[in-house]
């Protein structure tokens, strides 16, 4: 029996997220050098993400080309609304057929929309950058806004019971707002009007009783309640938003994509006009590699996970290699991960009766999907990877003879992954032990969720550990040690909570 009396343990929690801007010597053991399709878990650790599945089983009809992308997806009442080609359709979730609701939308581009209720009746208004804005009632009857000055608007939002329109190609710096409680009335004597800013508008968002106007190089704030007291002020004149589809209300603030990565409005306001800074500095290299092609990026918020996702959607890039970034607020700090394999052309996230709906339309096949559903990307395996920093345990000059790795994880069902131990920054001459199995067949079953019985494909074990410890003897030695977890299966998500590495000290180099 080996003598373990001189064994030294080193334990750490999985926390801090993906860090790409610091030397591995400066990283904390719980941070990640690779974190792909694992998300920082608000309950601690790194969780393998859920997949997505079809929300409507039928294809959204195309106009002239079967490769037309989805231009809009929106939840409205009990229906899901989608735009493709020159038409707008509606369908019931889990249904198989689409009903045509509006046609003749020539040369429509990416849609923006607003859900609102001015008079006790819920409505949905859409703009597409070319055609007249169109609003729908709950019967899905379509009505075009008649005012020519707002035809071709790219952005629309309701603020203080006025409808605001912006982004028209011929007047890119102008906001037009309607009379109160009427999206299709524009008499200046009855409360309608226009506001002009000195930069091209890239997005609108209502937040904390103000309307934020995002531009290419500036951000403005509109306050007040009516045309008589509307007042506009600059939040910053040095920082702008490069893609309005990335603007989301998130974690009590507004988050958006600036020229230097992800920013929040509060962060911009605090630094004034002097110094730049982003919340995404830990993963800045991912943004630097993609910002030049940001025009088609999409984003969603998953509120019950305090999570923002930005997808680096690009024409010509296959879905399987499309990347993005997951941003999670944990306490007072943001943690990041990389996402790969989701390529939305349009998105919507909506909370209905406590149920979070995260939808996206795809780029070529004409389907609407629901995220956070299932264990695959609609049948495609989710490839997930975690890699720790290279850990020297305080002294890079002493060899460590590894004895054992103890893994603490929280499974939601049986899992199937591989654990790798790598040495000396994965030098080609260092030891490279074969993969160790990381799995759990005996897990805690939750009544109403797990299925019991030997004939079931998922069998819960009464009294199993909810956060089991896997004690794995390992081989090899080195001056620095790193752990990898590769998940390439189709099992349910699980969280990596922490690790303990046990080693004996060897000779000094």
Protein backbone atom coordinates (compact mmCIF):
# COMPACT_ATOMS: atom_id res chain seq x y z
CA UNK A 1 0.00 0.00 0.00
CA UNK A 2 1.51 3.37 -0.98
CA UNK A 3 2.63 5.73 1.76
CA UNK A 4 0.37 8.79 1.57
CA UNK A 5 1.61 10.40 4.76
CA UNK A 6 3.47 13.07 2.80
CA UNK A 7 0.58 13.78 0.44
CA UNK A 8 -0.37 17.44 0.11
CA UNK A 9 -3.96 18.39 -0.76
CA UNK A 10 -4.90 21.52 -2.72
CA UNK A 11 -8.63 22.24 -3.06
CA UNK A 12 -10.43 24.97 -4.98
CA UNK A 13 -13.95 25.94 -6.03
CA UNK A 14 -14.86 26.42 -9.68
CA UNK A 15 -15.45 30.16 -9.78
CA UNK A 16 -14.26 33.23 -11.65
CA UNK A 17 -15.21 32.09 -15.14
CA UNK A 18 -13.17 32.26 -18.33
CA UNK A 19 -10.05 34.44 -18.01
CA UNK A 20 -7.98 35.13 -21.13
CA UNK A 21 -6.22 38.37 -20.21
CA UNK A 22 -3.86 37.21 -17.46
CA UNK A 23 -0.83 35.00 -17.20
CA UNK A 24 -1.64 31.53 -15.91
CA UNK A 25 0.71 32.37 -12.99
CA UNK A 26 -1.65 35.20 -11.99
CA UNK A 27 -4.88 33.24 -12.37
CA UNK A 28 -6.75 31.78 -9.45
CA UNK A 29 -7.07 27.96 -9.52
CA UNK A 30 -10.87 28.13 -9.81
CA UNK A 31 -10.79 30.29 -12.92
CA UNK A 32 -10.84 28.71 -16.36
CA UNK A 33 -8.44 28.96 -19.27
CA UNK A 34 -11.04 27.23 -21.46
CA UNK A 35 -14.77 27.23 -20.73
CA UNK A 36 -16.85 26.31 -23.76
CA UNK A 37 -20.53 25.42 -23.46
CA UNK A 38 -20.17 25.49 -19.69
CA UNK A 39 -21.88 28.46 -18.01
CA UNK A 40 -20.94 30.07 -14.68
CA UNK A 41 -23.68 28.68 -12.44
CA UNK A 42 -25.45 31.13 -10.11
CA UNK A 43 -25.60 28.25 -7.62
CA UNK A 44 -21.84 27.79 -7.84
CA UNK A 45 -19.51 26.05 -10.23
CA UNK A 46 -19.57 25.66 -14.01
CA UNK A 47 -22.68 24.09 -15.52
CA UNK A 48 -22.85 22.33 -18.86
CA UNK A 49 -25.48 24.30 -20.78
CA UNK A 50 -28.85 23.04 -21.93
CA UNK A 51 -29.54 22.60 -25.60
CA UNK A 52 -32.38 23.85 -27.78
CA UNK A 53 -35.28 22.19 -29.57
CA UNK A 54 -37.95 23.19 -32.08
CA UNK A 55 -40.61 25.44 -30.57
CA UNK A 56 -42.84 24.99 -33.62
CA UNK A 57 -42.31 21.78 -35.55
CA UNK A 58 -43.19 23.26 -38.93
CA UNK A 59 -40.88 25.36 -41.10
CA UNK A 60 -41.74 29.06 -41.42
CA UNK A 61 -42.71 29.43 -45.11
CA UNK A 62 -40.25 31.24 -47.37
CA UNK A 63 -41.00 33.72 -50.14
CA UNK A 64 -38.60 32.84 -52.96
CA UNK A 65 -35.56 31.09 -51.49
CA UNK A 66 -35.54 28.15 -49.11
CA UNK A 67 -32.33 29.56 -47.58
CA UNK A 68 -34.03 32.77 -46.41
CA UNK A 69 -33.20 33.52 -42.79
CA UNK A 70 -35.73 34.21 -40.06
CA UNK A 71 -36.01 38.00 -39.75
CA UNK A 72 -38.04 38.11 -36.52
CA UNK A 73 -39.28 35.89 -33.73
CA UNK A 74 -41.53 37.25 -30.98
CA UNK A 75 -43.87 35.91 -28.33
CA UNK A 76 -47.26 37.62 -28.41
CA UNK A 77 -50.14 36.36 -26.30
CA UNK A 78 -50.43 32.62 -26.81
CA UNK A 79 -48.73 32.75 -30.20
CA UNK A 80 -45.24 32.92 -31.60
CA UNK A 81 -44.74 35.43 -34.42
CA UNK A 82 -42.12 34.97 -37.14
CA UNK A 83 -41.08 36.92 -40.22
CA UNK A 84 -39.36 35.42 -43.23
CA UNK A 85 -38.98 36.77 -46.75
CA UNK A 86 -41.83 39.20 -47.47
CA UNK A 87 -44.33 37.82 -44.96
CA UNK A 88 -45.19 37.64 -41.26
CA UNK A 89 -46.73 34.50 -39.75
CA UNK A 90 -48.10 33.23 -36.45
CA UNK A 91 -48.26 29.76 -34.95
CA UNK A 92 -49.10 28.00 -31.73
CA UNK A 93 -46.16 26.66 -29.71
CA UNK A 94 -45.58 22.97 -30.42
CA UNK A 95 -47.80 23.34 -33.50
CA UNK A 96 -46.82 22.30 -36.99
CA UNK A 97 -48.38 24.95 -39.24
CA UNK A 98 -48.01 28.71 -39.73
CA UNK A 99 -50.78 31.20 -40.51
CA UNK A 100 -50.00 34.08 -42.85
CA UNK A 101 -50.68 37.46 -41.18
CA UNK A 102 -49.05 40.13 -43.35
CA UNK A 103 -47.57 40.10 -46.87
CA UNK A 104 -45.79 42.30 -49.37
CA UNK A 105 -43.01 43.42 -47.02
CA UNK A 106 -40.59 44.07 -49.86
CA UNK A 107 -36.85 44.06 -49.07
CA UNK A 108 -37.51 43.66 -45.33
CA UNK A 109 -34.40 43.53 -43.19
CA UNK A 110 -33.98 42.44 -39.57
CA UNK A 111 -37.09 43.40 -37.58
CA UNK A 112 -37.39 45.20 -34.29
CA UNK A 113 -40.63 45.06 -32.30
CA UNK A 114 -42.40 46.31 -29.20
CA UNK A 115 -45.15 44.76 -27.09
CA UNK A 116 -47.38 47.46 -25.56
CA UNK A 117 -50.82 48.31 -24.25
CA UNK A 118 -52.05 51.89 -24.60
CA UNK A 119 -55.80 51.35 -24.18
CA UNK A 120 -56.36 48.06 -22.38
CA UNK A 121 -55.67 46.07 -25.54
CA UNK A 122 -52.34 44.33 -26.04
CA UNK A 123 -50.60 45.05 -29.33
CA UNK A 124 -47.39 44.22 -31.13
CA UNK A 125 -45.72 46.75 -33.45
CA UNK A 126 -42.92 45.81 -35.88
CA UNK A 127 -40.45 47.74 -38.03
CA UNK A 128 -38.09 46.33 -40.65
CA UNK A 129 -35.98 49.21 -41.96
CA UNK A 130 -37.84 49.42 -45.28
CA UNK A 131 -41.61 49.15 -45.03
CA UNK A 132 -44.22 51.02 -42.99
CA UNK A 133 -44.39 50.07 -39.31
CA UNK A 134 -47.20 47.58 -38.74
CA UNK A 135 -49.11 46.82 -35.57
CA UNK A 136 -51.16 43.75 -34.65
CA UNK A 137 -53.95 43.29 -32.13
CA UNK A 138 -54.59 40.05 -30.28
CA UNK A 139 -56.67 38.81 -33.24
CA UNK A 140 -53.51 39.27 -35.35
CA UNK A 141 -55.17 41.83 -37.59
CA UNK A 142 -52.40 43.89 -39.25
CA UNK A 143 -52.57 47.69 -39.63
CA UNK A 144 -49.87 49.82 -41.26
CA UNK A 145 -48.86 53.11 -39.67
CA UNK A 146 -49.82 55.75 -42.23
CA UNK A 147 -47.28 58.47 -41.40
CA UNK A 148 -44.66 58.64 -44.17
CA UNK A 149 -41.97 60.12 -41.90
CA UNK A 150 -41.71 56.84 -39.96
CA UNK A 151 -41.86 54.46 -42.94
CA UNK A 152 -38.57 52.56 -43.11
CA UNK A 153 -37.80 52.93 -39.39
CA UNK A 154 -35.39 50.37 -37.93
CA UNK A 155 -36.21 50.93 -34.26
CA UNK A 156 -39.43 51.32 -32.30
CA UNK A 157 -40.25 51.57 -28.61
CA UNK A 158 -43.07 52.82 -26.38
CA UNK A 159 -42.14 55.51 -23.86
CA UNK A 160 -44.46 57.60 -21.68
CA UNK A 161 -47.45 56.40 -23.73
CA UNK A 162 -45.89 57.73 -26.96
CA UNK A 163 -44.55 55.49 -29.72
CA UNK A 164 -41.01 56.42 -30.74
CA UNK A 165 -39.60 55.59 -34.17
CA UNK A 166 -35.99 55.96 -35.34
CA UNK A 167 -33.38 54.65 -37.75
CA UNK A 168 -34.88 55.69 -41.07
CA UNK A 169 -32.08 55.68 -43.67
CA UNK A 170 -32.89 59.20 -44.91
CA UNK A 171 -33.10 60.67 -41.38
CA UNK A 172 -30.72 58.48 -39.31
CA UNK A 173 -30.35 61.06 -36.52
CA UNK A 174 -34.05 61.75 -35.95
CA UNK A 175 -36.60 60.32 -33.52
CA UNK A 176 -40.26 60.75 -34.36
CA UNK A 177 -42.82 60.26 -31.60
CA UNK A 178 -46.58 59.89 -31.87
CA UNK A 179 -49.40 61.50 -29.94
CA UNK A 180 -50.05 59.98 -26.51
CA UNK A 181 -51.82 56.59 -26.56
CA UNK A 182 -51.88 56.38 -30.37
CA UNK A 183 -49.12 54.80 -32.43
CA UNK A 184 -50.62 56.15 -35.67
CA UNK A 185 -51.35 59.82 -34.91
CA UNK A 186 -48.73 62.52 -35.41
CA UNK A 187 -50.27 65.97 -34.91
CA UNK A 188 -47.75 68.27 -33.22
CA UNK A 189 -50.60 70.19 -31.66
CA UNK A 190 -51.76 67.01 -29.89
CA UNK A 191 -48.44 65.94 -28.43
CA UNK A 192 -46.46 64.40 -31.30
CA UNK A 193 -43.07 65.68 -32.40
CA UNK A 194 -39.50 65.02 -33.47
CA UNK A 195 -36.12 65.10 -31.73
CA UNK A 196 -32.77 65.22 -33.49
CA UNK A 197 -29.40 64.12 -32.12
CA UNK A 198 -25.97 64.70 -33.63
CA UNK A 199 -25.11 61.09 -34.44
CA UNK A 200 -26.60 58.09 -36.25
CA UNK A 201 -29.02 56.19 -34.01
CA UNK A 202 -28.26 52.49 -33.54
CA UNK A 203 -30.83 51.51 -30.90
CA UNK A 204 -33.48 52.57 -28.38
CA UNK A 205 -34.20 51.21 -24.91
CA UNK A 206 -36.46 52.36 -22.09
CA UNK A 207 -34.82 52.05 -18.67
CA UNK A 208 -35.55 53.59 -15.26
CA UNK A 209 -38.09 56.16 -16.45
CA UNK A 210 -35.82 57.34 -19.26
CA UNK A 211 -35.44 56.56 -22.93
CA UNK A 212 -31.82 55.78 -23.80
CA UNK A 213 -30.84 56.65 -27.35
CA UNK A 214 -27.79 54.68 -28.49
CA UNK A 215 -25.79 56.06 -31.40
CA UNK A 216 -22.65 55.03 -33.25
CA UNK A 217 -20.38 57.23 -31.11
CA UNK A 218 -22.65 58.71 -28.42
CA UNK A 219 -25.37 57.80 -25.94
CA UNK A 220 -28.21 60.15 -24.98
CA UNK A 221 -30.97 60.03 -22.38
CA UNK A 222 -34.48 61.41 -22.89
CA UNK A 223 -36.41 62.34 -19.75
CA UNK A 224 -39.79 63.92 -19.18
CA UNK A 225 -43.38 62.83 -19.74
CA UNK A 226 -44.83 64.82 -22.65
CA UNK A 227 -43.74 66.82 -25.66
CA UNK A 228 -43.82 69.95 -23.49
CA UNK A 229 -41.16 68.72 -21.07
CA UNK A 230 -39.15 66.11 -22.97
CA UNK A 231 -35.46 66.92 -22.39
CA UNK A 232 -32.45 65.21 -23.88
CA UNK A 233 -29.01 65.01 -22.29
CA UNK A 234 -25.76 63.25 -23.15
CA UNK A 235 -24.71 60.22 -21.12
CA UNK A 236 -21.42 60.10 -23.03
CA UNK A 237 -20.19 61.64 -26.25
CA UNK A 238 -17.21 59.30 -26.66
CA UNK A 239 -18.72 55.81 -26.54
CA UNK A 240 -21.42 54.33 -28.76
CA UNK A 241 -23.23 51.10 -29.50
CA UNK A 242 -22.20 49.25 -32.64
CA UNK A 243 -25.20 46.92 -32.81
CA UNK A 244 -28.66 47.68 -31.38
CA UNK A 245 -29.55 43.98 -31.25
CA UNK A 246 -27.07 43.62 -28.36
CA UNK A 247 -28.88 46.12 -26.08
CA UNK A 248 -30.61 44.32 -23.21
CA UNK A 249 -31.81 45.12 -19.71
CA UNK A 250 -29.67 42.89 -17.57
CA UNK A 251 -28.95 42.60 -13.85
CA UNK A 252 -30.45 45.99 -13.02
CA UNK A 253 -28.68 47.86 -15.79
CA UNK A 254 -28.43 48.14 -19.55
CA UNK A 255 -25.78 46.08 -21.32
CA UNK A 256 -24.68 46.69 -24.89
CA UNK A 257 -21.84 46.07 -27.32
CA UNK A 258 -19.49 49.01 -27.58
CA UNK A 259 -16.40 49.38 -29.75
CA UNK A 260 -14.31 47.90 -26.94
CA UNK A 261 -16.53 45.02 -25.83
CA UNK A 262 -19.51 44.72 -23.51
CA UNK A 263 -20.42 47.76 -21.45
CA UNK A 264 -23.15 48.82 -19.08
CA UNK A 265 -24.85 52.20 -19.11
CA UNK A 266 -24.04 52.70 -15.42
CA UNK A 267 -20.39 51.94 -16.07
CA UNK A 268 -20.30 54.46 -18.90
CA UNK A 269 -21.94 57.14 -16.76
CA UNK A 270 -19.44 56.65 -13.95
CA UNK A 271 -16.32 57.04 -16.09
CA UNK A 272 -17.66 60.14 -17.81
CA UNK A 273 -15.97 61.06 -21.10
CA UNK A 274 -12.38 60.45 -20.09
CA UNK A 275 -11.42 56.81 -19.72
CA UNK A 276 -12.66 53.72 -21.56
CA UNK A 277 -13.35 50.45 -19.81
CA UNK A 278 -15.49 47.38 -20.36
CA UNK A 279 -16.99 44.70 -18.17
CA UNK A 280 -15.66 42.07 -20.59
CA UNK A 281 -11.92 42.64 -20.15
CA UNK A 282 -11.44 39.02 -19.00
CA UNK A 283 -12.47 37.81 -22.47
CA UNK A 284 -11.51 40.85 -24.52
CA UNK A 285 -9.64 38.76 -27.09
CA UNK A 286 -12.90 37.05 -28.10
CA UNK A 287 -14.46 40.43 -28.88
CA UNK A 288 -11.35 41.77 -30.60
CA UNK A 289 -11.46 38.79 -32.97
CA UNK A 290 -15.10 39.35 -33.89
CA UNK A 291 -16.01 43.05 -33.60
CA UNK A 292 -15.18 43.78 -37.25
CA UNK A 293 -18.18 41.65 -38.29
CA UNK A 294 -20.69 42.70 -35.62
CA UNK A 295 -23.60 43.79 -37.81
CA UNK A 296 -25.51 40.50 -37.48
CA UNK A 297 -24.77 39.75 -33.82
CA UNK A 298 -27.78 38.75 -31.69
CA UNK A 299 -28.35 38.59 -27.94
CA UNK A 300 -30.76 37.29 -25.32
CA UNK A 301 -31.19 37.50 -21.56
CA UNK A 302 -32.03 34.48 -19.40
CA UNK A 303 -33.32 36.21 -16.25
CA UNK A 304 -33.61 33.18 -13.99
CA UNK A 305 -29.89 32.51 -14.54
CA UNK A 306 -28.91 36.21 -14.36
CA UNK A 307 -27.35 35.56 -17.74
CA UNK A 308 -26.74 37.54 -20.92
CA UNK A 309 -25.73 35.80 -24.13
CA UNK A 310 -24.27 37.45 -27.20
CA UNK A 311 -23.94 35.38 -30.38
CA UNK A 312 -21.31 36.21 -33.00
CA UNK A 313 -23.64 35.45 -35.90
CA UNK A 314 -21.97 35.91 -39.29
CA UNK A 315 -23.08 35.14 -42.83
CA UNK A 316 -21.00 32.32 -44.24
CA UNK A 317 -20.03 30.83 -40.87
CA UNK A 318 -21.53 27.42 -40.13
CA UNK A 319 -23.74 27.03 -37.08
CA UNK A 320 -21.50 24.36 -35.54
CA UNK A 321 -18.55 26.78 -35.36
CA UNK A 322 -20.48 29.99 -34.56
CA UNK A 323 -19.26 31.33 -31.25
CA UNK A 324 -20.51 33.74 -28.65
CA UNK A 325 -20.04 34.81 -25.05
CA UNK A 326 -22.04 34.05 -21.91
CA UNK A 327 -22.01 36.76 -19.25
CA UNK A 328 -23.31 35.96 -15.74
CA UNK A 329 -23.59 38.34 -12.80
CA UNK A 330 -22.46 36.60 -9.61
CA UNK A 331 -22.51 38.86 -6.59
CA UNK A 332 -20.92 42.13 -7.66
CA UNK A 333 -18.79 40.71 -10.47
CA UNK A 334 -19.30 39.32 -13.95
CA UNK A 335 -18.12 35.88 -15.00
CA UNK A 336 -17.79 34.74 -18.60
CA UNK A 337 -17.77 31.64 -20.74
CA UNK A 338 -17.68 30.87 -24.44
CA UNK A 339 -20.65 29.41 -26.26
CA UNK A 340 -20.39 27.49 -29.53
CA UNK A 341 -22.96 25.91 -31.83
CA UNK A 342 -25.86 28.42 -31.77
CA UNK A 343 -26.34 30.80 -34.73
CA UNK A 344 -29.50 32.89 -34.28
CA UNK A 345 -30.74 35.27 -36.95
CA UNK A 346 -33.39 36.70 -34.59
CA UNK A 347 -34.13 36.32 -30.87
CA UNK A 348 -36.69 37.01 -28.16
CA UNK A 349 -36.76 36.37 -24.43
CA UNK A 350 -39.97 36.79 -22.49
CA UNK A 351 -41.25 35.84 -19.04
CA UNK A 352 -44.83 34.56 -19.09
CA UNK A 353 -46.49 33.50 -15.83
CA UNK A 354 -43.06 32.86 -14.34
CA UNK A 355 -42.00 30.74 -17.30
CA UNK A 356 -38.92 32.02 -19.13
CA UNK A 357 -39.13 31.68 -22.91
CA UNK A 358 -35.87 32.12 -24.83
CA UNK A 359 -36.46 31.81 -28.57
CA UNK A 360 -34.36 32.14 -31.69
CA UNK A 361 -34.87 31.75 -35.40
CA UNK A 362 -32.22 30.04 -37.46
CA UNK A 363 -30.24 31.35 -40.38
CA UNK A 364 -31.09 28.95 -43.18
CA UNK A 365 -33.58 26.19 -42.35
CA UNK A 366 -36.60 28.27 -41.34
CA UNK A 367 -37.22 26.91 -37.83
CA UNK A 368 -37.99 28.60 -34.52
CA UNK A 369 -36.21 27.07 -31.54
CA UNK A 370 -36.54 27.33 -27.79
CA UNK A 371 -33.28 27.53 -25.87
CA UNK A 372 -32.77 25.96 -22.44
CA UNK A 373 -34.54 22.82 -23.66
CA UNK A 374 -33.15 19.32 -24.06
CA UNK A 375 -29.62 18.00 -23.98
CA UNK A 376 -28.61 18.60 -27.61
CA UNK A 377 -28.69 21.38 -30.17
CA UNK A 378 -31.81 19.96 -31.84
CA UNK A 379 -30.11 16.61 -32.27
CA UNK A 380 -26.53 17.86 -32.64
CA UNK A 381 -24.21 16.86 -29.82
CA UNK A 382 -23.15 19.66 -27.45
CA UNK A 383 -19.37 19.69 -27.26
CA UNK A 384 -18.36 21.21 -23.94
CA UNK A 385 -14.87 21.83 -22.56
CA UNK A 386 -13.34 23.04 -19.31
CA UNK A 387 -9.65 23.61 -18.62
CA UNK A 388 -8.13 24.89 -15.42
CA UNK A 389 -5.08 27.15 -15.26
CA UNK A 390 -1.67 25.50 -15.05
CA UNK A 391 -1.22 25.23 -11.30
CA UNK A 392 2.21 25.27 -9.67
CA UNK A 393 0.92 25.32 -6.07
CA UNK A 394 3.15 28.24 -5.20
CA UNK A 395 6.44 26.87 -6.54
CA UNK A 396 7.09 26.20 -10.22
CA UNK A 397 10.51 24.74 -9.44
CA UNK A 398 9.40 21.63 -7.52
CA UNK A 399 8.07 18.54 -9.25
CA UNK A 400 4.67 17.28 -8.07
CA UNK A 401 3.92 13.57 -8.20
CA UNK A 402 0.13 13.42 -8.59
CA UNK A 403 -1.71 10.82 -6.54
CA UNK A 404 -5.39 11.58 -6.82
CA UNK A 405 -7.99 14.06 -8.09
CA UNK A 406 -11.25 14.44 -6.19
CA UNK A 407 -14.04 15.97 -8.24
CA UNK A 408 -17.09 17.57 -6.63
CA UNK A 409 -19.96 17.90 -9.09
CA UNK A 410 -23.75 18.27 -9.13
CA UNK A 411 -25.46 16.05 -11.70
CA UNK A 412 -29.02 16.51 -12.90
CA UNK A 413 -29.09 13.00 -14.35
CA UNK A 414 -26.46 10.45 -15.32
CA UNK A 415 -23.49 12.11 -16.98
CA UNK A 416 -20.73 10.97 -19.31
CA UNK A 417 -17.53 13.01 -19.58
CA UNK A 418 -13.77 12.54 -19.54
CA UNK A 419 -11.26 13.95 -17.06
CA UNK A 420 -7.71 14.63 -18.25
CA UNK A 421 -4.64 15.51 -16.18
CA UNK A 422 -2.00 17.46 -18.07
CA UNK A 423 1.47 18.54 -17.02
CA UNK A 424 3.98 21.34 -17.67
CA UNK A 425 1.73 23.53 -19.83
CA UNK A 426 0.94 20.50 -22.02
CA UNK A 427 4.48 20.32 -23.30
CA UNK A 428 4.77 17.60 -25.93
CA UNK A 429 7.45 15.86 -23.85
CA UNK A 430 5.43 15.86 -20.63
CA UNK A 431 3.35 12.96 -19.31
CA UNK A 432 -0.07 12.67 -20.99
CA UNK A 433 -2.13 10.06 -19.10
CA UNK A 434 -5.18 8.63 -20.85
CA UNK A 435 -8.62 10.00 -20.04
CA UNK A 436 -10.30 9.08 -16.76
CA UNK A 437 -14.05 8.51 -16.83
CA UNK A 438 -16.15 11.14 -15.12
CA UNK A 439 -19.63 9.75 -14.72
CA UNK A 440 -22.35 9.16 -12.16
CA UNK A 441 -25.01 6.52 -12.29
CA UNK A 442 -26.14 6.94 -8.69
CA UNK A 443 -27.53 10.43 -8.21
CA UNK A 444 -30.18 12.08 -6.11
CA UNK A 445 -33.68 11.77 -7.59
CA UNK A 446 -36.19 14.58 -7.19
CA UNK A 447 -39.81 13.53 -6.89
CA UNK A 448 -41.80 14.66 -9.92
CA UNK A 449 -38.66 14.95 -12.04
CA UNK A 450 -36.74 11.70 -12.07
CA UNK A 451 -38.31 8.49 -13.35
CA UNK A 452 -38.05 5.31 -11.30
CA UNK A 453 -37.99 1.71 -12.48
CA UNK A 454 -35.56 -0.58 -14.26
CA UNK A 455 -37.40 -0.20 -17.54
CA UNK A 456 -36.96 3.57 -17.68
CA UNK A 457 -34.26 5.31 -19.66
CA UNK A 458 -33.60 7.54 -16.63
CA UNK A 459 -33.54 5.85 -13.22
CA UNK A 460 -33.27 7.82 -10.01
CA UNK A 461 -31.53 6.32 -6.97
CA UNK A 462 -33.22 7.10 -3.66
CA UNK A 463 -30.73 8.48 -1.20
CA UNK A 464 -27.98 9.15 -3.75
CA UNK A 465 -25.59 12.07 -3.30
CA UNK A 466 -26.76 15.35 -4.80
CA UNK A 467 -23.16 16.55 -5.05
CA UNK A 468 -21.10 13.36 -5.18
CA UNK A 469 -17.32 13.20 -4.85
CA UNK A 470 -15.46 11.24 -7.51
CA UNK A 471 -12.14 10.00 -6.11
CA UNK A 472 -9.88 9.25 -9.04
CA UNK A 473 -6.33 7.94 -8.71
CA UNK A 474 -4.15 9.53 -11.38
CA UNK A 475 -0.71 9.10 -12.91
CA UNK A 476 2.15 11.36 -13.87
CA UNK A 477 4.18 14.21 -12.49
CA UNK A 478 5.25 17.68 -13.49
CA UNK A 479 6.16 21.14 -12.27
CA UNK A 480 2.71 22.46 -13.24
CA UNK A 481 -0.61 20.59 -13.38
CA UNK A 482 -3.83 21.35 -15.26
CA UNK A 483 -7.19 19.62 -15.39
CA UNK A 484 -9.43 19.21 -18.42
CA UNK A 485 -13.03 18.01 -18.65
CA UNK A 486 -14.41 17.16 -22.08
CA UNK A 487 -18.11 16.46 -22.45
CA UNK A 488 -19.10 15.21 -25.89
CA UNK A 489 -22.22 13.24 -25.05
CA UNK A 490 -25.93 13.89 -24.97
CA UNK A 491 -26.54 13.59 -21.25
CA UNK A 492 -28.28 16.16 -19.08
CA UNK A 493 -26.41 19.20 -17.74
CA UNK A 494 -24.30 19.00 -14.58
CA UNK A 495 -22.17 21.45 -12.60
CA UNK A 496 -18.49 21.12 -11.84
CA UNK A 497 -18.31 22.50 -8.30
CA UNK A 498 -14.68 22.09 -7.35
CA UNK A 499 -11.59 19.90 -7.30
CA UNK A 500 -9.02 18.67 -4.81
CA UNK A 501 -5.62 17.65 -6.12
CA UNK A 502 -3.44 15.42 -3.94
CA UNK A 503 0.28 15.18 -4.68
CA UNK A 504 3.68 14.44 -3.18
CA UNK A 505 6.61 16.81 -3.55
CA UNK A 506 9.55 15.70 -5.61
CA UNK A 507 12.91 17.16 -6.52
CA UNK A 508 13.60 20.80 -7.34
CA UNK A 509 14.70 21.52 -10.88
